[in-house]
Amino acid sequence: MTTATPTAGTGVQAPGKTTRAGRVRKRLNSRTATLVSIVIAMLWTVPTFGLFISSFRPADQIKTTGWWTFFRDPQFTLENYQEVLFSSSSSAGQLASYFINSLVITIPSVLFPTAFAALAAYALAWINFKGRDWLYIAIFALQIVPLQMALVPLLKFFSTGVTIAGVQVLPAWGLVDEQKFAQVWFAHTCFALPFAVYLLHNFISQLPADLMEAARVDGATHPKIFRTIVLPLIAPALAAFGIFQFLWVWNDLLVALIFAGGGNEAAPLTVRLAELAGTRGNEWQRLTAGAFVSIVVPLIVFLSLQRYFVRGLLAGSVKG
């Protein structure tokens, strides 16, 4: 009597033996791995905690001693936040209006690419049309184009329009003041679409084909399938991309500075924080308060969507 020897790729394993994935999972769930994770998390949090403490310390304390000395001589003040948020002096802060500008820039810059990418990813995954694969390859290849290479052509597109063979095809936008928000939305949407389409396509293409076929047999059209079946199933992936895009746009300085300008009509919080640093960076009390104000919203967004973020990262990693 002979026994079959399991071969690689057959999925058969000898009794009593664990798979490589099982061994890795067991090691990651050990006490040592948990302790290492806690230590890394604490070390990662220390700078943020120090920034939080410093933002409430008086100016003379910040400039003469480290934040850890706060526990020997605790002194609190809200003057730093009052200066950076509501001071009438242009050199002190006035972050409240820039904070609103950041929200106005970030929210549409997240919603637009998410919506367009979801529609494009569904079309590339489940609608057969000529040149579909080449179009997907082209979108994937756009991810390797450095953002800096597109800044000048895009800025020229906004300022002079598009001219082909001496014929004005598209006019210049000619936007001023608050109208420049549209330029920033357009730029962030263009820069985010290649990665968004690629990411969402991977999730949508792994949905069960039987589910799509059953919907088509029942007479469902592509818009109805996308709205009632696909969207609920890819909600974790949409949340994962939304968090990435939100953090990127909120912390962006380059794109906003180029397309929105440095005025308080459309400039975001990051532009004002760069100005607060000054040429010497000696206003530490304002910088700490301003920096902590800038991280509050991304922190709230990440913590509120964390469960969707984790599900989005794990979705599609296993089948069955």
Protein backbone atom coordinates (compact mmCIF):
# COMPACT_ATOMS: atom_id res chain seq x y z
CA MET A 1 0.00 0.00 0.00
CA THR A 2 1.42 3.37 -0.99
CA THR A 3 0.68 6.84 0.29
CA ALA A 4 0.54 9.95 -1.80
CA THR A 5 3.18 12.52 -1.15
CA PRO A 6 1.79 16.08 -1.08
CA THR A 7 3.24 18.32 -3.74
CA ALA A 8 3.64 22.07 -3.81
CA GLY A 9 0.55 23.92 -4.94
CA THR A 10 -1.87 21.03 -4.27
CA GLY A 11 -3.09 22.50 -0.99
CA VAL A 12 -2.57 19.11 0.73
CA GLN A 13 -0.55 19.00 3.91
CA ALA A 14 0.51 16.19 6.17
CA PRO A 15 -1.42 15.68 9.42
CA GLY A 16 0.04 17.56 12.37
CA LYS A 17 1.92 20.06 10.19
CA THR A 18 0.99 23.73 9.97
CA THR A 19 1.28 25.91 6.95
CA ARG A 20 3.81 28.73 6.64
CA ALA A 21 1.01 31.28 6.96
CA GLY A 22 -0.15 29.58 10.16
CA ARG A 23 3.34 29.71 11.65
CA VAL A 24 3.69 33.39 10.78
CA ARG A 25 0.28 34.12 12.29
CA LYS A 26 1.22 32.28 15.46
CA ARG A 27 4.43 34.27 15.82
CA LEU A 28 2.67 37.57 15.26
CA ASN A 29 0.16 36.69 17.99
CA SER A 30 2.84 35.81 20.54
CA ARG A 31 3.54 37.86 23.66
CA THR A 32 6.90 38.97 22.32
CA ALA A 33 5.34 40.36 19.14
CA THR A 34 2.67 42.13 21.18
CA LEU A 35 5.30 43.66 23.49
CA VAL A 36 7.38 44.84 20.51
CA SER A 37 4.27 46.39 18.92
CA ILE A 38 3.46 48.26 22.12
CA VAL A 39 7.03 49.59 22.39
CA ILE A 40 7.01 50.75 18.75
CA ALA A 41 3.62 52.42 19.22
CA MET A 42 4.86 54.26 22.32
CA LEU A 43 8.03 55.46 20.58
CA TRP A 44 5.97 56.59 17.60
CA THR A 45 3.60 58.52 19.89
CA VAL A 46 6.25 60.31 21.96
CA PRO A 47 6.90 63.16 19.44
CA THR A 48 3.16 63.84 19.13
CA PHE A 49 2.78 63.82 22.90
CA GLY A 50 5.71 66.23 23.23
CA LEU A 51 4.15 68.52 20.62
CA PHE A 52 0.87 68.48 22.54
CA ILE A 53 2.57 69.38 25.82
CA SER A 54 4.66 72.13 24.22
CA SER A 55 1.62 73.75 22.64
CA PHE A 56 0.29 74.60 26.13
CA ARG A 57 3.60 75.87 27.58
CA PRO A 58 4.51 79.57 27.84
CA ALA A 59 6.89 80.99 25.25
CA ASP A 60 9.81 81.46 27.63
CA GLN A 61 9.53 77.86 28.83
CA ILE A 62 9.46 76.45 25.29
CA LYS A 63 12.51 78.43 24.20
CA THR A 64 14.66 77.61 27.23
CA THR A 65 13.77 74.04 28.28
CA GLY A 66 12.64 70.78 26.71
CA TRP A 67 9.06 69.59 26.86
CA TRP A 68 9.93 66.80 29.30
CA THR A 69 10.78 69.41 31.97
CA PHE A 70 7.08 70.25 32.07
CA PHE A 71 6.55 67.52 34.67
CA ARG A 72 8.97 69.24 37.09
CA ASP A 73 7.46 72.70 36.66
CA PRO A 74 4.02 72.43 35.01
CA GLN A 75 2.78 75.71 33.54
CA PHE A 76 -0.29 75.93 31.30
CA THR A 77 -1.41 78.67 28.94
CA LEU A 78 -3.94 78.99 26.12
CA GLU A 79 -2.25 82.09 24.72
CA ASN A 80 -0.48 80.09 22.00
CA TYR A 81 -3.75 78.82 20.55
CA GLN A 82 -5.37 82.22 20.88
CA GLU A 83 -2.53 83.81 18.92
CA VAL A 84 -2.44 81.33 16.06
CA LEU A 85 -6.20 81.02 15.68
CA PHE A 86 -7.72 84.41 16.40
CA SER A 87 -4.96 87.00 16.57
CA SER A 88 -5.51 90.07 14.37
CA SER A 89 -1.77 90.28 13.67
CA SER A 90 -0.81 88.76 10.33
CA SER A 91 2.49 87.55 11.77
CA ALA A 92 0.90 85.80 14.73
CA GLY A 93 -1.38 83.29 13.09
CA GLN A 94 -4.92 83.82 11.83
CA LEU A 95 -5.17 80.07 11.28
CA ALA A 96 -8.95 79.96 11.59
CA SER A 97 -9.59 81.14 8.02
CA TYR A 98 -6.80 78.91 6.64
CA PHE A 99 -8.31 76.00 8.55
CA ILE A 100 -11.61 76.55 6.72
CA ASN A 101 -9.70 76.76 3.43
CA SER A 102 -8.11 73.37 4.12
CA LEU A 103 -11.53 71.82 4.67
CA VAL A 104 -12.89 73.40 1.49
CA ILE A 105 -9.91 72.04 -0.46
CA THR A 106 -9.72 68.59 1.10
CA ILE A 107 -13.33 67.38 1.12
CA PRO A 108 -14.02 67.80 -2.63
CA SER A 109 -10.48 66.61 -3.43
CA VAL A 110 -11.38 63.34 -1.71
CA LEU A 111 -14.92 62.92 -3.03
CA PHE A 112 -14.20 63.67 -6.70
CA PRO A 113 -11.42 61.11 -7.33
CA THR A 114 -13.21 58.50 -5.20
CA ALA A 115 -16.40 58.79 -7.24
CA PHE A 116 -14.70 58.93 -10.64
CA ALA A 117 -12.30 56.09 -9.78
CA ALA A 118 -15.10 53.81 -8.58
CA LEU A 119 -17.01 54.27 -11.84
CA ALA A 120 -13.88 53.79 -13.96
CA ALA A 121 -12.77 50.72 -11.98
CA TYR A 122 -16.16 49.06 -12.43
CA ALA A 123 -16.11 49.74 -16.17
CA LEU A 124 -12.60 48.36 -16.54
CA ALA A 125 -13.44 45.26 -14.49
CA TRP A 126 -16.90 44.22 -15.70
CA ILE A 127 -17.70 45.98 -18.99
CA ASN A 128 -16.15 44.54 -22.14
CA PHE A 129 -15.12 47.12 -24.71
CA LYS A 130 -12.35 47.40 -27.26
CA GLY A 131 -9.01 48.52 -25.85
CA ARG A 132 -10.02 47.97 -22.24
CA ASP A 133 -6.81 46.19 -21.23
CA TRP A 134 -4.59 48.78 -22.91
CA LEU A 135 -6.48 51.57 -21.19
CA TYR A 136 -5.97 49.89 -17.82
CA ILE A 137 -2.25 49.49 -18.52
CA ALA A 138 -2.02 53.17 -19.45
CA ILE A 139 -3.74 54.20 -16.20
CA PHE A 140 -1.43 51.93 -14.23
CA ALA A 141 1.62 53.42 -15.97
CA LEU A 142 0.56 56.97 -15.03
CA GLN A 143 1.43 56.17 -11.41
CA ILE A 144 5.15 56.28 -12.20
CA VAL A 145 4.97 59.82 -13.60
CA PRO A 146 6.41 62.19 -10.97
CA LEU A 147 3.92 64.75 -9.77
CA GLN A 148 6.45 67.56 -10.27
CA MET A 149 6.57 66.88 -14.02
CA ALA A 150 2.87 67.69 -14.36
CA LEU A 151 2.87 70.92 -12.38
CA VAL A 152 4.11 73.25 -15.15
CA PRO A 153 1.87 71.80 -17.96
CA LEU A 154 -1.14 71.88 -15.66
CA LEU A 155 -0.43 75.45 -14.55
CA LYS A 156 -0.06 76.47 -18.21
CA PHE A 157 -3.38 74.76 -18.94
CA PHE A 158 -5.06 76.91 -16.28
CA SER A 159 -3.39 80.17 -17.26
CA THR A 160 -3.34 80.02 -21.10
CA GLY A 161 -5.73 77.19 -22.03
CA VAL A 162 -5.04 74.70 -24.82
CA THR A 163 -3.90 75.74 -28.27
CA ILE A 164 -3.45 73.26 -31.15
CA ALA A 165 -1.91 74.44 -34.45
CA GLY A 166 -2.62 78.04 -33.51
CA VAL A 167 -6.28 77.31 -32.76
CA GLN A 168 -7.60 77.99 -29.23
CA VAL A 169 -9.27 74.71 -28.28
CA LEU A 170 -9.86 75.45 -24.61
CA PRO A 171 -9.77 78.96 -23.12
CA ALA A 172 -7.81 79.95 -20.04
CA TRP A 173 -9.59 79.50 -16.74
CA GLY A 174 -8.79 83.00 -15.48
CA LEU A 175 -9.74 82.26 -11.86
CA VAL A 176 -9.03 84.66 -8.99
CA ASP A 177 -9.32 84.62 -5.19
CA GLU A 178 -11.79 81.95 -3.97
CA GLN A 179 -12.29 80.67 -7.51
CA LYS A 180 -8.82 79.12 -7.33
CA PHE A 181 -10.28 76.34 -5.19
CA ALA A 182 -11.45 74.77 -8.45
CA GLN A 183 -7.87 74.62 -9.73
CA VAL A 184 -6.71 72.78 -6.60
CA TRP A 185 -9.64 70.33 -6.80
CA PHE A 186 -8.86 69.62 -10.43
CA ALA A 187 -5.15 69.11 -9.76
CA HIS A 188 -5.64 66.79 -6.78
CA THR A 189 -8.27 64.79 -8.66
CA CYS A 190 -5.95 64.30 -11.64
CA PHE A 191 -3.03 63.26 -9.47
CA ALA A 192 -5.11 60.81 -7.41
CA LEU A 193 -7.06 59.07 -10.18
CA PRO A 194 -4.37 56.61 -11.45
CA PHE A 195 -3.74 55.11 -8.02
CA ALA A 196 -7.43 55.19 -7.09
CA VAL A 197 -8.50 53.38 -10.27
CA TYR A 198 -5.76 50.79 -9.83
CA LEU A 199 -6.63 50.18 -6.17
CA LEU A 200 -10.40 49.96 -6.62
CA HIS A 201 -10.08 47.86 -9.79
CA ASN A 202 -8.27 45.18 -7.79
CA PHE A 203 -11.18 44.97 -5.34
CA ILE A 204 -14.01 45.16 -7.88
CA SER A 205 -12.45 42.60 -10.22
CA GLN A 206 -12.37 40.04 -7.39
CA LEU A 207 -16.12 40.19 -6.78
CA PRO A 208 -17.85 36.87 -7.59
CA ALA A 209 -18.74 36.58 -11.26
CA ASP A 210 -21.80 34.49 -10.34
CA LEU A 211 -23.18 37.46 -8.43
CA MET A 212 -22.89 39.70 -11.48
CA GLU A 213 -24.38 37.09 -13.79
CA ALA A 214 -27.34 36.56 -11.46
CA ALA A 215 -28.01 40.30 -11.42
CA ARG A 216 -27.89 40.48 -15.21
CA VAL A 217 -30.28 37.51 -15.50
CA ASP A 218 -32.70 39.39 -13.25
CA GLY A 219 -32.57 42.29 -15.68
CA ALA A 220 -30.31 44.63 -13.71
CA THR A 221 -28.43 47.20 -15.76
CA HIS A 222 -24.86 48.26 -15.12
CA PRO A 223 -25.87 51.42 -13.19
CA LYS A 224 -28.16 49.37 -10.93
CA ILE A 225 -25.51 46.66 -10.40
CA PHE A 226 -22.95 49.30 -9.51
CA ARG A 227 -25.30 51.13 -7.14
CA THR A 228 -26.95 48.20 -5.34
CA ILE A 229 -24.26 45.48 -5.42
CA VAL A 230 -20.79 46.85 -6.06
CA LEU A 231 -20.84 49.98 -3.89
CA PRO A 232 -21.87 48.22 -0.64
CA LEU A 233 -19.24 45.52 -1.19
CA ILE A 234 -16.36 47.92 -1.88
CA ALA A 235 -17.20 50.36 0.93
CA PRO A 236 -14.09 49.30 2.94
CA ALA A 237 -11.87 49.89 -0.09
CA LEU A 238 -13.44 53.31 -0.67
CA ALA A 239 -12.83 54.20 2.98
CA ALA A 240 -9.21 53.03 2.78
CA PHE A 241 -8.52 55.17 -0.26
CA GLY A 242 -10.45 58.07 1.24
CA ILE A 243 -8.20 58.06 4.30
CA PHE A 244 -5.05 57.99 2.17
CA GLN A 245 -6.32 60.80 -0.03
CA PHE A 246 -7.52 62.89 2.89
CA LEU A 247 -4.15 62.70 4.65
CA TRP A 248 -2.30 63.48 1.42
CA VAL A 249 -4.40 66.52 0.51
CA TRP A 250 -4.62 67.88 4.05
CA ASN A 251 -0.83 67.75 4.50
CA ASP A 252 -0.03 68.93 0.97
CA LEU A 253 1.94 72.15 0.54
CA LEU A 254 3.34 72.02 -2.99
CA VAL A 255 0.13 71.64 -5.01
CA ALA A 256 -1.83 74.10 -2.89
CA LEU A 257 0.94 76.71 -2.97
CA ILE A 258 1.19 76.54 -6.77
CA PHE A 259 -2.48 76.42 -7.73
CA ALA A 260 -4.10 78.32 -4.84
CA GLY A 261 -1.39 80.90 -4.20
CA GLY A 262 -0.29 82.26 -0.86
CA GLY A 263 -3.20 84.61 -0.19
CA ASN A 264 -5.68 83.97 2.59
CA GLU A 265 -8.56 83.66 0.07
CA ALA A 266 -7.74 80.07 -0.96
CA ALA A 267 -4.44 79.03 0.69
CA PRO A 268 -4.69 76.04 3.06
CA LEU A 269 -3.35 75.58 6.56
CA THR A 270 -0.01 74.16 5.43
CA VAL A 271 0.87 77.37 3.57
CA ARG A 272 0.24 79.45 6.68
CA LEU A 273 2.25 77.08 8.88
CA ALA A 274 5.20 77.43 6.52
CA GLU A 275 4.94 81.20 6.86
CA LEU A 276 4.76 80.95 10.66
CA ALA A 277 8.11 79.18 10.68
CA GLY A 278 9.69 82.35 9.32
CA THR A 279 13.27 82.67 8.19
CA ARG A 280 14.69 81.73 11.59
CA GLY A 281 11.93 79.57 13.03
CA ASN A 282 12.17 81.21 16.46
CA GLU A 283 8.43 81.37 17.25
CA TRP A 284 8.27 77.89 18.73
CA GLN A 285 5.17 78.56 20.83
CA ARG A 286 3.17 79.43 17.71
CA LEU A 287 4.57 76.60 15.65
CA THR A 288 3.68 73.94 18.23
CA ALA A 289 0.12 75.18 18.63
CA GLY A 290 -0.34 75.59 14.88
CA ALA A 291 1.10 72.15 14.13
CA PHE A 292 -1.18 70.47 16.65
CA VAL A 293 -4.21 72.27 15.21
CA SER A 294 -3.26 70.91 11.78
CA ILE A 295 -3.12 67.27 12.93
CA VAL A 296 -6.38 67.23 14.88
CA VAL A 297 -8.69 66.74 11.87
CA PRO A 298 -6.63 63.97 10.19
CA LEU A 299 -6.40 62.22 13.55
CA ILE A 300 -10.17 62.34 14.01
CA VAL A 301 -10.76 61.10 10.45
CA PHE A 302 -8.34 58.20 10.83
CA LEU A 303 -9.67 57.07 14.22
CA SER A 304 -13.31 57.30 13.12
CA LEU A 305 -12.67 55.28 9.93
CA GLN A 306 -10.03 52.93 11.33
CA ARG A 307 -12.19 49.80 11.20
CA TYR A 308 -13.07 50.47 7.57
CA PHE A 309 -9.41 51.17 6.84
CA VAL A 310 -8.32 47.78 8.22
CA ARG A 311 -11.12 45.97 6.38
CA GLY A 312 -10.15 47.76 3.17
CA LEU A 313 -6.55 46.68 3.47
CA LEU A 314 -7.51 43.06 4.14
CA ALA A 315 -10.32 42.82 1.58
CA GLY A 316 -9.39 40.58 -1.30
CA SER A 317 -6.33 39.18 0.46
CA VAL A 318 -7.97 35.76 0.80
CA LYS A 319 -10.64 34.01 -1.22
CA GLY A 320 -13.53 31.96 0.03
